[in-house]
Amino acid sequence: MTYDNSTRAAAAAATRTKVLAAARDAFLARGYAATTIRGIARTAGVSQETVYKRFGNKARLLKDVYDVAMAGDEEAAPVSARPEAVAVRDADSPAEAVAAYAALCRGLTARAGGLMRIVAGARGGDPDLDAFVAAVDAERLKGADLVARLWADRGWLRPGLDSQHARDVIWTLNSPDVWLLLTQRGWSLADYESWIATGLRSMVLRLDR
């Protein structure tokens, strides 16, 4: 007889969803330091052991919450496979690329901005959290590198700009730290999207192609 583990898989997925939702709400409401695995487990209706077994520690749980926020759901497809990112790759001109990339940055920030603020306020006090920040920065750098190389291959970069420098400019433009500084000045998401587009037009892409 073939064992059907679909029921167990569905229960595991439901538990994961409950824990992620409880963790997200706790991080946003109380911040990183004041959020506890015990409190998350209580809210989710599971044991602390279950949370530790599935997510490891608080910082890795925050990383999972952050990844879901960035993607928009719990599906396995990475951000790079989502329609917003695909639109960047499918752009037919530098102008379309500017608009698509700025829209991508706005969408990601709209979904994960609150968590970015939590992380920024807690850095330096937890080695695991600092490792999470380093991982996120590395992921952003990889994404910026892929985009810069794509645009370089298409001949869209400004004269004299190589893909490595373009990567670094893009990585800086989409930095959560930069976004947080701008929000402190009262900038809206529309302001931020416009600023990303302006930065790409003036420092990265040539629009005469």
N, C-alpha and C. Protein backbone atom coordinates (compact mmCIF):
# COMPACT_ATOMS: atom_id res chain seq x y z
N MET A 1 0.86 -1.20 0.00
CA MET A 1 0.00 0.00 0.00
C MET A 1 0.89 1.25 0.00
N THR A 2 0.56 2.17 -0.89
CA THR A 2 1.31 3.42 -0.97
C THR A 2 0.84 4.39 0.11
N TYR A 3 1.81 4.93 0.83
CA TYR A 3 1.47 5.85 1.92
C TYR A 3 1.16 7.24 1.37
N ASP A 4 0.01 7.76 1.73
CA ASP A 4 -0.40 9.09 1.28
C ASP A 4 -0.08 10.10 2.38
N ASN A 5 0.93 10.93 2.14
CA ASN A 5 1.32 11.89 3.18
C ASN A 5 0.78 13.29 2.89
N SER A 6 -0.23 13.38 2.02
CA SER A 6 -0.76 14.70 1.65
C SER A 6 -1.39 15.40 2.85
N THR A 7 -2.05 14.64 3.71
CA THR A 7 -2.67 15.24 4.89
C THR A 7 -1.61 15.82 5.81
N ARG A 8 -0.52 15.07 6.01
CA ARG A 8 0.57 15.55 6.85
C ARG A 8 1.23 16.79 6.24
N ALA A 9 1.41 16.77 4.94
CA ALA A 9 2.02 17.92 4.26
C ALA A 9 1.15 19.15 4.38
N ALA A 10 -0.17 18.96 4.24
CA ALA A 10 -1.09 20.09 4.36
C ALA A 10 -1.08 20.65 5.77
N ALA A 11 -1.00 19.77 6.77
CA ALA A 11 -0.95 20.23 8.15
C ALA A 11 0.33 20.99 8.43
N ALA A 12 1.45 20.51 7.87
CA ALA A 12 2.73 21.20 8.05
C ALA A 12 2.70 22.57 7.40
N ALA A 13 2.09 22.66 6.21
CA ALA A 13 2.00 23.95 5.53
C ALA A 13 1.13 24.92 6.31
N ALA A 14 0.04 24.41 6.88
CA ALA A 14 -0.85 25.26 7.68
C ALA A 14 -0.15 25.77 8.93
N THR A 15 0.64 24.90 9.55
CA THR A 15 1.40 25.31 10.73
C THR A 15 2.41 26.39 10.37
N ARG A 16 3.10 26.19 9.27
CA ARG A 16 4.08 27.19 8.82
C ARG A 16 3.41 28.54 8.60
N THR A 17 2.24 28.53 7.96
CA THR A 17 1.52 29.77 7.69
C THR A 17 1.14 30.47 8.99
N LYS A 18 0.66 29.71 9.96
CA LYS A 18 0.26 30.30 11.25
C LYS A 18 1.46 30.90 11.99
N VAL A 19 2.57 30.19 11.97
CA VAL A 19 3.76 30.69 12.67
C VAL A 19 4.29 31.94 11.97
N LEU A 20 4.35 31.93 10.66
CA LEU A 20 4.85 33.10 9.93
C LEU A 20 3.97 34.32 10.17
N ALA A 21 2.65 34.12 10.18
CA ALA A 21 1.73 35.23 10.42
C ALA A 21 1.88 35.77 11.83
N ALA A 22 2.00 34.87 12.80
CA ALA A 22 2.16 35.30 14.19
C ALA A 22 3.49 36.03 14.37
N ALA A 23 4.53 35.54 13.73
CA ALA A 23 5.84 36.18 13.84
C ALA A 23 5.84 37.56 13.18
N ARG A 24 5.25 37.65 12.01
CA ARG A 24 5.18 38.94 11.32
C ARG A 24 4.47 39.97 12.18
N ASP A 25 3.32 39.61 12.71
CA ASP A 25 2.55 40.55 13.54
C ASP A 25 3.33 40.95 14.79
N ALA A 26 4.03 39.98 15.38
CA ALA A 26 4.79 40.27 16.60
C ALA A 26 5.97 41.19 16.31
N PHE A 27 6.71 40.91 15.25
CA PHE A 27 7.86 41.75 14.90
C PHE A 27 7.42 43.19 14.61
N LEU A 28 6.34 43.32 13.86
CA LEU A 28 5.88 44.66 13.49
C LEU A 28 5.31 45.42 14.69
N ALA A 29 4.68 44.70 15.60
CA ALA A 29 4.05 45.35 16.75
C ALA A 29 5.04 45.65 17.87
N ARG A 30 6.00 44.75 18.09
CA ARG A 30 6.87 44.87 19.26
C ARG A 30 8.34 45.07 18.95
N GLY A 31 8.72 44.91 17.69
CA GLY A 31 10.13 45.00 17.36
C GLY A 31 10.82 43.67 17.53
N TYR A 32 12.08 43.61 17.17
CA TYR A 32 12.80 42.34 17.20
C TYR A 32 13.13 41.89 18.62
N ALA A 33 13.72 42.77 19.41
CA ALA A 33 14.21 42.38 20.73
C ALA A 33 13.08 41.91 21.64
N ALA A 34 11.93 42.58 21.58
CA ALA A 34 10.83 42.26 22.49
C ALA A 34 9.99 41.08 22.02
N THR A 35 10.22 40.62 20.81
CA THR A 35 9.48 39.47 20.30
C THR A 35 10.16 38.18 20.76
N THR A 36 9.37 37.24 21.24
CA THR A 36 9.92 35.97 21.73
C THR A 36 9.33 34.79 20.96
N ILE A 37 10.11 33.73 20.87
CA ILE A 37 9.61 32.50 20.26
C ILE A 37 8.42 31.97 21.06
N ARG A 38 8.48 32.11 22.38
CA ARG A 38 7.37 31.66 23.23
C ARG A 38 6.08 32.38 22.85
N GLY A 39 6.15 33.70 22.70
CA GLY A 39 4.97 34.47 22.34
C GLY A 39 4.45 34.11 20.96
N ILE A 40 5.36 33.92 20.01
CA ILE A 40 4.96 33.55 18.66
C ILE A 40 4.27 32.19 18.68
N ALA A 41 4.85 31.24 19.41
CA ALA A 41 4.27 29.90 19.48
C ALA A 41 2.89 29.94 20.10
N ARG A 42 2.73 30.73 21.16
CA ARG A 42 1.43 30.83 21.83
C ARG A 42 0.38 31.38 20.87
N THR A 43 0.73 32.44 20.16
CA THR A 43 -0.23 33.03 19.23
C THR A 43 -0.59 32.07 18.10
N ALA A 44 0.42 31.34 17.61
CA ALA A 44 0.19 30.41 16.50
C ALA A 44 -0.49 29.11 16.95
N GLY A 45 -0.54 28.88 18.27
CA GLY A 45 -1.16 27.67 18.77
C GLY A 45 -0.31 26.43 18.60
N VAL A 46 1.01 26.61 18.66
CA VAL A 46 1.93 25.48 18.53
C VAL A 46 2.94 25.54 19.68
N SER A 47 3.75 24.51 19.81
CA SER A 47 4.76 24.49 20.85
C SER A 47 6.00 25.27 20.41
N GLN A 48 6.78 25.71 21.40
CA GLN A 48 8.05 26.37 21.09
C GLN A 48 8.96 25.41 20.32
N GLU A 49 8.92 24.14 20.70
CA GLU A 49 9.76 23.15 20.02
C GLU A 49 9.44 23.10 18.53
N THR A 50 8.17 23.20 18.20
CA THR A 50 7.77 23.19 16.79
C THR A 50 8.38 24.36 16.05
N VAL A 51 8.35 25.53 16.65
CA VAL A 51 8.91 26.72 16.01
C VAL A 51 10.41 26.56 15.82
N TYR A 52 11.10 26.14 16.86
CA TYR A 52 12.55 25.96 16.76
C TYR A 52 12.91 24.89 15.73
N LYS A 53 12.14 23.81 15.70
CA LYS A 53 12.43 22.71 14.79
C LYS A 53 12.25 23.13 13.34
N ARG A 54 11.25 23.96 13.09
CA ARG A 54 10.95 24.35 11.71
C ARG A 54 11.75 25.56 11.24
N PHE A 55 12.10 26.46 12.16
CA PHE A 55 12.71 27.71 11.74
C PHE A 55 14.11 27.95 12.32
N GLY A 56 14.51 27.20 13.32
CA GLY A 56 15.85 27.34 13.86
C GLY A 56 15.94 28.30 15.01
N ASN A 57 15.96 29.58 14.74
CA ASN A 57 16.02 30.59 15.80
C ASN A 57 15.24 31.83 15.36
N LYS A 58 15.23 32.83 16.20
CA LYS A 58 14.41 34.01 15.93
C LYS A 58 14.86 34.75 14.68
N ALA A 59 16.17 34.87 14.50
CA ALA A 59 16.67 35.59 13.33
C ALA A 59 16.31 34.87 12.04
N ARG A 60 16.43 33.55 12.02
CA ARG A 60 16.08 32.81 10.81
C ARG A 60 14.57 32.83 10.57
N LEU A 61 13.81 32.90 11.64
CA LEU A 61 12.36 33.07 11.48
C LEU A 61 12.06 34.42 10.86
N LEU A 62 12.75 35.46 11.32
CA LEU A 62 12.57 36.78 10.72
C LEU A 62 12.93 36.76 9.25
N LYS A 63 13.99 36.04 8.90
CA LYS A 63 14.39 35.94 7.48
C LYS A 63 13.28 35.30 6.66
N ASP A 64 12.65 34.25 7.18
CA ASP A 64 11.56 33.61 6.46
C ASP A 64 10.36 34.55 6.31
N VAL A 65 10.05 35.28 7.38
CA VAL A 65 8.97 36.26 7.31
C VAL A 65 9.29 37.33 6.26
N TYR A 66 10.53 37.78 6.26
CA TYR A 66 10.98 38.79 5.30
C TYR A 66 10.88 38.27 3.87
N ASP A 67 11.30 37.03 3.64
CA ASP A 67 11.25 36.46 2.29
C ASP A 67 9.82 36.36 1.79
N VAL A 68 8.90 35.97 2.67
CA VAL A 68 7.49 35.89 2.27
C VAL A 68 6.95 37.28 1.94
N ALA A 69 7.33 38.26 2.75
CA ALA A 69 6.88 39.63 2.48
C ALA A 69 7.41 40.12 1.14
N MET A 70 8.67 39.83 0.85
CA MET A 70 9.25 40.27 -0.42
C MET A 70 8.55 39.62 -1.61
N ALA A 71 8.27 38.33 -1.49
CA ALA A 71 7.64 37.61 -2.59
C ALA A 71 6.15 37.91 -2.71
N GLY A 72 5.52 38.19 -1.57
CA GLY A 72 4.10 38.48 -1.58
C GLY A 72 3.23 37.31 -1.17
N ASP A 73 3.82 36.12 -1.08
CA ASP A 73 3.09 34.94 -0.65
C ASP A 73 4.09 33.86 -0.27
N GLU A 74 3.59 32.68 0.10
CA GLU A 74 4.46 31.60 0.54
C GLU A 74 4.80 30.60 -0.56
N GLU A 75 4.45 30.92 -1.80
CA GLU A 75 4.79 30.02 -2.89
C GLU A 75 6.30 29.91 -3.03
N ALA A 76 6.75 28.80 -3.62
CA ALA A 76 8.18 28.52 -3.70
C ALA A 76 8.91 29.42 -4.70
N ALA A 77 8.20 30.01 -5.64
CA ALA A 77 8.85 30.82 -6.67
C ALA A 77 9.59 32.00 -6.04
N PRO A 78 10.86 32.20 -6.38
CA PRO A 78 11.61 33.33 -5.83
C PRO A 78 11.15 34.65 -6.41
N VAL A 79 11.60 35.74 -5.82
CA VAL A 79 11.24 37.06 -6.32
C VAL A 79 11.63 37.20 -7.78
N SER A 80 12.76 36.63 -8.17
CA SER A 80 13.24 36.76 -9.55
C SER A 80 12.30 36.14 -10.58
N ALA A 81 11.42 35.24 -10.12
CA ALA A 81 10.48 34.59 -11.03
C ALA A 81 9.10 35.25 -11.00
N ARG A 82 8.92 36.28 -10.19
CA ARG A 82 7.64 36.96 -10.08
C ARG A 82 7.44 37.95 -11.22
N PRO A 83 6.18 38.29 -11.53
CA PRO A 83 5.91 39.17 -12.68
C PRO A 83 6.66 40.50 -12.65
N GLU A 84 6.83 41.11 -11.47
CA GLU A 84 7.53 42.40 -11.40
C GLU A 84 8.97 42.27 -11.86
N ALA A 85 9.63 41.17 -11.46
CA ALA A 85 11.02 40.96 -11.87
C ALA A 85 11.11 40.54 -13.33
N VAL A 86 10.18 39.73 -13.76
CA VAL A 86 10.16 39.30 -15.16
C VAL A 86 9.99 40.51 -16.08
N ALA A 87 9.19 41.49 -15.65
CA ALA A 87 9.00 42.70 -16.44
C ALA A 87 10.31 43.46 -16.65
N VAL A 88 11.20 43.41 -15.67
CA VAL A 88 12.52 44.06 -15.81
C VAL A 88 13.32 43.35 -16.90
N ARG A 89 13.33 42.03 -16.86
CA ARG A 89 14.09 41.26 -17.86
C ARG A 89 13.49 41.38 -19.25
N ASP A 90 12.16 41.53 -19.32
CA ASP A 90 11.49 41.56 -20.62
C ASP A 90 11.42 42.95 -21.24
N ALA A 91 11.93 43.95 -20.54
CA ALA A 91 11.88 45.32 -21.06
C ALA A 91 12.57 45.40 -22.42
N ASP A 92 11.95 46.12 -23.35
CA ASP A 92 12.48 46.23 -24.71
C ASP A 92 13.37 47.44 -24.93
N SER A 93 13.45 48.30 -23.94
CA SER A 93 14.25 49.51 -24.09
C SER A 93 14.71 49.99 -22.72
N PRO A 94 15.73 50.84 -22.67
CA PRO A 94 16.14 51.39 -21.38
C PRO A 94 15.02 52.10 -20.65
N ALA A 95 14.19 52.82 -21.39
CA ALA A 95 13.08 53.53 -20.75
C ALA A 95 12.13 52.55 -20.07
N GLU A 96 11.81 51.44 -20.76
CA GLU A 96 10.95 50.44 -20.16
C GLU A 96 11.63 49.78 -18.97
N ALA A 97 12.94 49.58 -19.07
CA ALA A 97 13.69 48.97 -17.98
C ALA A 97 13.67 49.86 -16.74
N VAL A 98 13.83 51.16 -16.93
CA VAL A 98 13.78 52.11 -15.82
C VAL A 98 12.43 52.01 -15.11
N ALA A 99 11.36 52.08 -15.87
CA ALA A 99 10.02 52.05 -15.28
C ALA A 99 9.77 50.73 -14.56
N ALA A 100 10.19 49.62 -15.18
CA ALA A 100 9.94 48.31 -14.59
C ALA A 100 10.75 48.12 -13.31
N TYR A 101 12.02 48.55 -13.32
CA TYR A 101 12.84 48.35 -12.13
C TYR A 101 12.38 49.24 -10.98
N ALA A 102 12.01 50.47 -11.29
CA ALA A 102 11.50 51.36 -10.24
C ALA A 102 10.21 50.82 -9.64
N ALA A 103 9.35 50.25 -10.49
CA ALA A 103 8.10 49.65 -10.00
C ALA A 103 8.40 48.43 -9.14
N LEU A 104 9.41 47.64 -9.52
CA LEU A 104 9.81 46.48 -8.72
C LEU A 104 10.26 46.92 -7.33
N CYS A 105 11.11 47.94 -7.28
CA CYS A 105 11.59 48.43 -5.98
C CYS A 105 10.44 48.95 -5.12
N ARG A 106 9.52 49.63 -5.75
CA ARG A 106 8.37 50.13 -4.99
C ARG A 106 7.54 48.98 -4.42
N GLY A 107 7.30 47.96 -5.24
CA GLY A 107 6.49 46.84 -4.78
C GLY A 107 7.14 46.08 -3.64
N LEU A 108 8.44 45.83 -3.76
CA LEU A 108 9.15 45.12 -2.70
C LEU A 108 9.14 45.92 -1.40
N THR A 109 9.36 47.21 -1.52
CA THR A 109 9.39 48.06 -0.33
C THR A 109 8.01 48.17 0.31
N ALA A 110 6.98 48.24 -0.51
CA ALA A 110 5.62 48.32 0.02
C ALA A 110 5.29 47.09 0.86
N ARG A 111 5.78 45.93 0.43
CA ARG A 111 5.47 44.70 1.14
C ARG A 111 6.38 44.45 2.35
N ALA A 112 7.64 44.86 2.24
CA ALA A 112 8.61 44.50 3.28
C ALA A 112 9.17 45.70 4.04
N GLY A 113 8.71 46.90 3.73
CA GLY A 113 9.28 48.09 4.35
C GLY A 113 9.20 48.10 5.86
N GLY A 114 8.07 47.65 6.41
CA GLY A 114 7.94 47.63 7.86
C GLY A 114 8.97 46.72 8.52
N LEU A 115 9.23 45.58 7.88
CA LEU A 115 10.24 44.66 8.42
C LEU A 115 11.64 45.24 8.26
N MET A 116 11.88 45.97 7.17
CA MET A 116 13.18 46.63 6.98
C MET A 116 13.45 47.57 8.15
N ARG A 117 12.42 48.29 8.57
CA ARG A 117 12.58 49.24 9.67
C ARG A 117 12.90 48.50 10.98
N ILE A 118 12.25 47.36 11.19
CA ILE A 118 12.51 46.56 12.39
C ILE A 118 13.96 46.09 12.40
N VAL A 119 14.43 45.60 11.27
CA VAL A 119 15.79 45.08 11.18
C VAL A 119 16.81 46.20 11.41
N ALA A 120 16.58 47.34 10.80
CA ALA A 120 17.51 48.46 10.94
C ALA A 120 17.65 48.90 12.39
N GLY A 121 16.57 48.82 13.14
CA GLY A 121 16.61 49.26 14.52
C GLY A 121 17.22 48.25 15.47
N ALA A 122 17.43 47.02 15.01
CA ALA A 122 17.93 45.96 15.90
C ALA A 122 19.34 45.50 15.56
N ARG A 123 19.93 46.02 14.51
CA ARG A 123 21.26 45.56 14.12
C ARG A 123 22.31 45.86 15.18
N GLY A 124 23.30 45.00 15.25
CA GLY A 124 24.42 45.22 16.16
C GLY A 124 24.26 44.57 17.51
N GLY A 125 23.09 44.04 17.80
CA GLY A 125 22.87 43.45 19.13
C GLY A 125 22.69 41.96 19.12
N ASP A 126 22.68 41.34 17.93
CA ASP A 126 22.43 39.91 17.82
C ASP A 126 23.22 39.39 16.63
N PRO A 127 24.20 38.52 16.86
CA PRO A 127 25.00 37.99 15.75
C PRO A 127 24.16 37.29 14.68
N ASP A 128 23.11 36.58 15.11
CA ASP A 128 22.25 35.90 14.14
C ASP A 128 21.51 36.91 13.27
N LEU A 129 21.07 38.01 13.88
CA LEU A 129 20.39 39.04 13.11
C LEU A 129 21.36 39.72 12.15
N ASP A 130 22.58 39.97 12.61
CA ASP A 130 23.58 40.57 11.72
C ASP A 130 23.87 39.66 10.54
N ALA A 131 23.86 38.34 10.78
CA ALA A 131 24.06 37.39 9.68
C ALA A 131 22.89 37.47 8.70
N PHE A 132 21.68 37.66 9.22
CA PHE A 132 20.51 37.83 8.36
C PHE A 132 20.66 39.06 7.48
N VAL A 133 21.09 40.18 8.06
CA VAL A 133 21.29 41.41 7.29
C VAL A 133 22.33 41.19 6.21
N ALA A 134 23.43 40.51 6.55
CA ALA A 134 24.47 40.23 5.57
C ALA A 134 23.93 39.37 4.44
N ALA A 135 23.08 38.41 4.76
CA ALA A 135 22.49 37.56 3.73
C ALA A 135 21.59 38.35 2.80
N VAL A 136 20.79 39.25 3.37
CA VAL A 136 19.90 40.07 2.55
C VAL A 136 20.72 40.99 1.64
N ASP A 137 21.78 41.59 2.18
CA ASP A 137 22.63 42.46 1.37
C ASP A 137 23.28 41.68 0.23
N ALA A 138 23.70 40.44 0.52
CA ALA A 138 24.31 39.61 -0.52
C ALA A 138 23.29 39.26 -1.60
N GLU A 139 22.05 38.99 -1.20
CA GLU A 139 21.00 38.69 -2.17
C GLU A 139 20.72 39.90 -3.05
N ARG A 140 20.70 41.09 -2.43
CA ARG A 140 20.48 42.31 -3.21
C ARG A 140 21.62 42.54 -4.20
N LEU A 141 22.85 42.27 -3.75
CA LEU A 141 24.01 42.46 -4.63
C LEU A 141 23.94 41.51 -5.81
N LYS A 142 23.56 40.27 -5.55
CA LYS A 142 23.43 39.30 -6.63
C LYS A 142 22.37 39.74 -7.63
N GLY A 143 21.24 40.22 -7.12
CA GLY A 143 20.18 40.70 -8.01
C GLY A 143 20.62 41.90 -8.82
N ALA A 144 21.31 42.83 -8.18
CA ALA A 144 21.81 44.02 -8.88
C ALA A 144 22.82 43.63 -9.94
N ASP A 145 23.64 42.63 -9.64
CA ASP A 145 24.64 42.17 -10.60
C ASP A 145 23.98 41.56 -11.83
N LEU A 146 22.95 40.76 -11.62
CA LEU A 146 22.25 40.15 -12.75
C LEU A 146 21.63 41.20 -13.66
N VAL A 147 21.02 42.22 -13.03
CA VAL A 147 20.40 43.28 -13.82
C VAL A 147 21.46 44.09 -14.56
N ALA A 148 22.55 44.44 -13.88
CA ALA A 148 23.61 45.23 -14.51
C ALA A 148 24.22 44.49 -15.70
N ARG A 149 24.45 43.18 -15.54
CA ARG A 149 25.01 42.40 -16.64
C ARG A 149 24.04 42.30 -17.81
N LEU A 150 22.76 42.15 -17.49
CA LEU A 150 21.74 42.11 -18.55
C LEU A 150 21.75 43.40 -19.35
N TRP A 151 21.74 44.52 -18.64
CA TRP A 151 21.73 45.81 -19.33
C TRP A 151 23.02 46.07 -20.09
N ALA A 152 24.14 45.60 -19.55
CA ALA A 152 25.42 45.75 -20.25
C ALA A 152 25.41 44.93 -21.54
N ASP A 153 24.90 43.71 -21.47
CA ASP A 153 24.84 42.86 -22.66
C ASP A 153 23.98 43.47 -23.75
N ARG A 154 22.98 44.23 -23.35
CA ARG A 154 22.09 44.86 -24.33
C ARG A 154 22.62 46.22 -24.81
N GLY A 155 23.77 46.63 -24.27
CA GLY A 155 24.36 47.91 -24.67
C GLY A 155 23.63 49.11 -24.14
N TRP A 156 22.99 48.96 -22.98
CA TRP A 156 22.15 50.04 -22.45
C TRP A 156 22.86 50.90 -21.40
N LEU A 157 24.03 50.48 -20.94
CA LEU A 157 24.69 51.26 -19.89
C LEU A 157 25.26 52.56 -20.46
N ARG A 158 25.36 53.55 -19.58
CA ARG A 158 25.90 54.84 -20.00
C ARG A 158 27.35 54.67 -20.45
N PRO A 159 27.81 55.51 -21.38
CA PRO A 159 29.19 55.40 -21.87
C PRO A 159 30.19 55.47 -20.72
N GLY A 160 31.16 54.55 -20.73
CA GLY A 160 32.19 54.53 -19.72
C GLY A 160 31.82 53.79 -18.45
N LEU A 161 30.59 53.32 -18.35
CA LEU A 161 30.14 52.62 -17.15
C LEU A 161 30.19 51.12 -17.39
N ASP A 162 30.97 50.40 -16.59
CA ASP A 162 30.99 48.94 -16.73
C ASP A 162 29.94 48.31 -15.82
N SER A 163 29.75 47.00 -15.99
CA SER A 163 28.66 46.34 -15.26
C SER A 163 28.91 46.30 -13.76
N GLN A 164 30.18 46.25 -13.34
CA GLN A 164 30.46 46.21 -11.90
C GLN A 164 30.08 47.51 -11.22
N HIS A 165 30.43 48.65 -11.85
CA HIS A 165 30.05 49.93 -11.26
C HIS A 165 28.54 50.13 -11.34
N ALA A 166 27.93 49.68 -12.43
CA ALA A 166 26.47 49.77 -12.54
C ALA A 166 25.80 48.95 -11.44
N ARG A 167 26.34 47.75 -11.19
CA ARG A 167 25.82 46.91 -10.11
C ARG A 167 25.86 47.64 -8.77
N ASP A 168 26.98 48.29 -8.48
CA ASP A 168 27.13 48.96 -7.19
C ASP A 168 26.18 50.15 -7.05
N VAL A 169 25.95 50.86 -8.15
CA VAL A 169 25.00 51.97 -8.11
C VAL A 169 23.59 51.45 -7.86
N ILE A 170 23.21 50.40 -8.58
CA ILE A 170 21.87 49.82 -8.41
C ILE A 170 21.70 49.30 -7.00
N TRP A 171 22.71 48.62 -6.48
CA TRP A 171 22.67 48.06 -5.12
C TRP A 171 22.50 49.16 -4.08
N THR A 172 23.13 50.31 -4.32
CA THR A 172 22.99 51.43 -3.39
C THR A 172 21.62 52.08 -3.52
N LEU A 173 21.15 52.23 -4.74
CA LEU A 173 19.84 52.84 -4.94
C LEU A 173 18.74 52.06 -4.24
N ASN A 174 18.81 50.72 -4.28
CA ASN A 174 17.73 49.93 -3.69
C ASN A 174 18.00 49.51 -2.24
N SER A 175 18.99 50.14 -1.60
CA SER A 175 19.32 49.81 -0.22
C SER A 175 18.19 50.17 0.73
N PRO A 176 17.83 49.26 1.64
CA PRO A 176 16.83 49.60 2.66
C PRO A 176 17.23 50.80 3.50
N ASP A 177 18.54 50.96 3.73
CA ASP A 177 19.00 52.10 4.53
C ASP A 177 18.67 53.42 3.84
N VAL A 178 18.84 53.45 2.53
CA VAL A 178 18.51 54.66 1.78
C VAL A 178 17.02 54.92 1.85
N TRP A 179 16.23 53.88 1.65
CA TRP A 179 14.78 54.06 1.71
C TRP A 179 14.35 54.58 3.09
N LEU A 180 14.95 54.05 4.15
CA LEU A 180 14.60 54.50 5.49
C LEU A 180 14.95 55.97 5.69
N LEU A 181 16.09 56.40 5.17
CA LEU A 181 16.44 57.82 5.27
C LEU A 181 15.41 58.69 4.57
N LEU A 182 14.97 58.26 3.40
CA LEU A 182 14.00 59.04 2.65
C LEU A 182 12.64 59.09 3.35
N THR A 183 12.25 57.96 3.96
CA THR A 183 10.96 57.98 4.67
C THR A 183 11.01 58.88 5.89
N GLN A 184 12.19 59.03 6.48
CA GLN A 184 12.33 59.96 7.60
C GLN A 184 12.06 61.40 7.17
N ARG A 185 12.26 61.66 5.91
CA ARG A 185 11.98 62.99 5.37
C ARG A 185 10.55 63.09 4.84
N GLY A 186 9.76 62.07 5.05
CA GLY A 186 8.36 62.11 4.66
C GLY A 186 8.07 61.67 3.24
N TRP A 187 9.02 61.00 2.60
CA TRP A 187 8.80 60.56 1.23
C TRP A 187 7.78 59.44 1.17
N SER A 188 6.95 59.47 0.14
CA SER A 188 5.96 58.41 -0.09
C SER A 188 6.57 57.34 -0.99
N LEU A 189 5.84 56.25 -1.16
CA LEU A 189 6.30 55.21 -2.07
C LEU A 189 6.39 55.73 -3.50
N ALA A 190 5.47 56.61 -3.87
CA ALA A 190 5.53 57.20 -5.22
C ALA A 190 6.78 58.06 -5.37
N ASP A 191 7.12 58.81 -4.32
CA ASP A 191 8.36 59.60 -4.35
C ASP A 191 9.56 58.69 -4.52
N TYR A 192 9.56 57.60 -3.79
CA TYR A 192 10.68 56.66 -3.83
C TYR A 192 10.81 56.03 -5.21
N GLU A 193 9.71 55.60 -5.78
CA GLU A 193 9.73 55.02 -7.12
C GLU A 193 10.28 56.02 -8.14
N SER A 194 9.85 57.27 -8.04
CA SER A 194 10.33 58.31 -8.95
C SER A 194 11.83 58.55 -8.77
N TRP A 195 12.29 58.51 -7.52
CA TRP A 195 13.71 58.73 -7.23
C TRP A 195 14.56 57.59 -7.79
N ILE A 196 14.10 56.35 -7.65
CA ILE A 196 14.82 55.21 -8.23
C ILE A 196 14.93 55.39 -9.74
N ALA A 197 13.84 55.77 -10.37
CA ALA A 197 13.84 55.95 -11.83
C ALA A 197 14.81 57.06 -12.23
N THR A 198 14.78 58.16 -11.50
CA THR A 198 15.69 59.28 -11.80
C THR A 198 17.14 58.85 -11.65
N GLY A 199 17.44 58.09 -10.60
CA GLY A 199 18.80 57.61 -10.37
C GLY A 199 19.27 56.71 -11.49
N LEU A 200 18.42 55.81 -11.95
CA LEU A 200 18.79 54.92 -13.04
C LEU A 200 19.02 55.69 -14.33
N ARG A 201 18.16 56.68 -14.61
CA ARG A 201 18.32 57.46 -15.84
C ARG A 201 19.59 58.29 -15.81
N SER A 202 19.92 58.86 -14.67
CA SER A 202 21.05 59.79 -14.61
C SER A 202 22.39 59.11 -14.39
N MET A 203 22.39 57.90 -13.79
CA MET A 203 23.66 57.28 -13.43
C MET A 203 23.94 55.92 -14.06
N VAL A 204 22.91 55.27 -14.60
CA VAL A 204 23.13 53.91 -15.07
C VAL A 204 22.81 53.71 -16.55
N LEU A 205 21.65 54.09 -16.97
CA LEU A 205 21.20 53.76 -18.32
C LEU A 205 21.24 54.94 -19.28
N ARG A 206 21.53 54.63 -20.52
CA ARG A 206 21.46 55.64 -21.57
C ARG A 206 20.11 55.49 -22.26
N LEU A 207 19.38 56.57 -22.36
CA LEU A 207 18.01 56.51 -22.88
C LEU A 207 17.92 56.83 -24.36
N ASP A 208 19.07 56.95 -25.04
CA ASP A 208 19.05 57.24 -26.46
C ASP A 208 19.05 55.97 -27.30
N ARG A 209 18.91 54.81 -26.63
CA ARG A 209 18.93 53.55 -27.34
C ARG A 209 17.50 53.06 -27.58
